[in-house]
Every structure is written in C-alpha cells, then in structure tokens.
Amino acid sequence: MIGLTTKQSRLLSYLTGYIESTGGVAPSFLEMRDAVGLASKSGVHRLLAALEDRGRIRRSPNRARAIEIVDVGPLHTVSTADLIAELERRRVGSVQTNPEVVRV
C-alpha cells in the first residue's frame, strides 16, 4: 500500500475526527481547506481524490458532504520522492515490453 503524503494524512485525520464528532456529517470543502492550510478548494479535491484512490475514503457522487471513512490505516507519511518512485515502479511493471525491439 502506498503511504500518504503529509497533507493527505492531515486531511484524513481531520475528516475522521470531524465525521465522528458530527455523527456522520462530513465537513465542507472550505472547512477542509482551512483545516489543512490550502489556498484553494481544488487542492482539497485533489487530496480527496488521492485518499479515495488509496481506498481510505469513499465518496458518493452528486451529494454534498457525502464522505465515508473506509480505512484509516496507518497514518505514516512518505516523502514525495518515495511516492513518485513507487508510482513509477507500478507504471513500469504494468507496461508490456517486446524484448525484440531495439532502440537506437
């Protein structure tokens, strides 16, 4: 499993606490933006998409504040360089190569 960046980890922790304290209601994008210290709501969207891709949250399309915590898991963080290296390993491993092709 790919670890989380610092901001992803911070957002997941905030979401978990907020949702538990409000009985299942998720925060707004503005509240998440302020909690994580981002400049825009689009940054929140990117972090939520990454958490969803990693299986940590589930979002319901076309519903406001519809975020469910699926797996908090370990909140260890990884460096950006380690994250890029892991994604590169996955990409390279999934590419079909032809050993007879020679690049010049």
Protein backbone atom coordinates (compact mmCIF):
# COMPACT_ATOMS: atom_id res chain seq x y z
CA MET A 1 0.00 0.00 0.00
CA ILE A 2 1.25 3.45 -0.86
CA GLY A 3 1.63 5.67 2.17
CA LEU A 4 0.09 9.09 2.46
CA THR A 5 1.66 12.46 1.99
CA THR A 6 1.68 14.79 4.97
CA LYS A 7 -1.32 16.76 3.72
CA GLN A 8 -3.27 13.61 2.86
CA SER A 9 -2.60 12.25 6.33
CA ARG A 10 -3.60 15.56 7.92
CA LEU A 11 -6.84 15.68 5.91
CA LEU A 12 -7.71 12.06 6.74
CA SER A 13 -7.17 12.71 10.45
CA TYR A 14 -9.30 15.84 10.27
CA LEU A 15 -12.07 14.02 8.37
CA THR A 16 -12.10 11.14 10.83
CA GLY A 17 -12.41 13.42 13.86
CA TYR A 18 -14.95 15.72 12.24
CA ILE A 19 -17.20 12.92 10.98
CA GLU A 20 -17.09 11.15 14.36
CA SER A 21 -17.93 14.36 16.24
CA THR A 22 -20.87 15.29 13.98
CA GLY A 23 -22.48 11.87 13.80
CA GLY A 24 -21.54 11.12 10.21
CA VAL A 25 -21.66 14.55 8.57
CA ALA A 26 -18.53 15.48 6.62
CA PRO A 27 -17.04 18.99 6.62
CA SER A 28 -17.44 21.39 3.72
CA PHE A 29 -14.64 21.98 1.23
CA LEU A 30 -13.99 25.37 2.83
CA GLU A 31 -13.64 23.79 6.27
CA MET A 32 -11.27 21.15 4.88
CA ARG A 33 -9.28 23.80 3.02
CA ASP A 34 -8.82 25.83 6.20
CA ALA A 35 -8.03 22.78 8.36
CA VAL A 36 -5.25 21.58 6.06
CA GLY A 37 -3.97 25.06 5.22
CA LEU A 38 -4.56 25.03 1.49
CA ALA A 39 -5.07 28.05 -0.73
CA SER A 40 -7.97 26.69 -2.78
CA LYS A 41 -10.80 24.19 -2.80
CA SER A 42 -9.27 22.49 -5.85
CA GLY A 43 -6.41 21.38 -3.60
CA VAL A 44 -8.95 19.73 -1.31
CA HIS A 45 -10.47 17.97 -4.32
CA ARG A 46 -7.04 16.57 -5.30
CA LEU A 47 -6.38 15.34 -1.75
CA LEU A 48 -9.82 13.70 -1.55
CA ALA A 49 -9.27 12.01 -4.92
CA ALA A 50 -5.92 10.66 -3.70
CA LEU A 51 -7.48 9.34 -0.48
CA GLU A 52 -10.24 7.71 -2.49
CA ASP A 53 -7.70 6.14 -4.89
CA ARG A 54 -5.84 4.72 -1.90
CA GLY A 55 -9.03 3.19 -0.50
CA ARG A 56 -9.10 5.37 2.61
CA ILE A 57 -12.41 7.13 1.89
CA ARG A 58 -15.50 6.61 -0.25
CA ARG A 59 -17.43 9.50 -1.80
CA SER A 60 -20.95 9.44 -3.20
CA PRO A 61 -21.20 11.33 -6.47
CA ASN A 62 -23.59 14.27 -6.73
CA ARG A 63 -24.10 14.50 -2.97
CA ALA A 64 -22.71 17.26 -0.82
CA ARG A 65 -20.66 16.19 2.22
CA ALA A 66 -21.02 12.51 1.30
CA ILE A 67 -17.66 11.19 2.52
CA GLU A 68 -17.30 7.89 4.33
CA ILE A 69 -14.11 6.81 6.07
CA VAL A 70 -13.31 3.32 4.81
CA ASP A 71 -9.85 2.64 6.22
CA VAL A 72 -7.87 4.97 8.44
CA GLY A 73 -4.99 2.50 8.46
CA PRO A 74 -1.55 3.69 9.46
CA LEU A 75 -1.15 7.40 9.02
CA HIS A 76 2.55 7.21 8.27
CA THR A 77 3.67 9.63 5.65
CA VAL A 78 6.02 9.21 2.74
CA SER A 79 8.20 11.70 1.01
CA THR A 80 7.20 12.96 -2.40
CA ALA A 81 10.28 11.30 -3.89
CA ASP A 82 9.31 7.91 -2.41
CA LEU A 83 5.74 8.32 -3.66
CA ILE A 84 6.91 9.14 -7.19
CA ALA A 85 9.32 6.19 -7.14
CA GLU A 86 6.54 3.80 -6.06
CA LEU A 87 4.18 5.07 -8.75
CA GLU A 88 6.95 4.76 -11.34
CA ARG A 89 7.64 1.15 -10.28
CA ARG A 90 3.96 0.34 -10.69
CA ARG A 91 3.81 2.02 -14.10
CA VAL A 92 6.91 0.24 -15.38
CA GLY A 93 5.69 -3.10 -14.05
CA SER A 94 2.42 -2.78 -15.93
CA VAL A 95 3.91 -1.89 -19.32
CA GLN A 96 4.20 -4.76 -21.78
CA THR A 97 7.59 -4.71 -23.44
CA ASN A 98 8.82 -6.53 -26.51
CA PRO A 99 12.38 -7.81 -25.99
CA GLU A 100 12.98 -7.93 -29.76
CA VAL A 101 12.54 -4.18 -30.17
CA VAL A 102 15.86 -2.39 -30.13
CA ARG A 103 16.00 1.34 -29.60
CA VAL A 104 18.73 3.24 -31.40
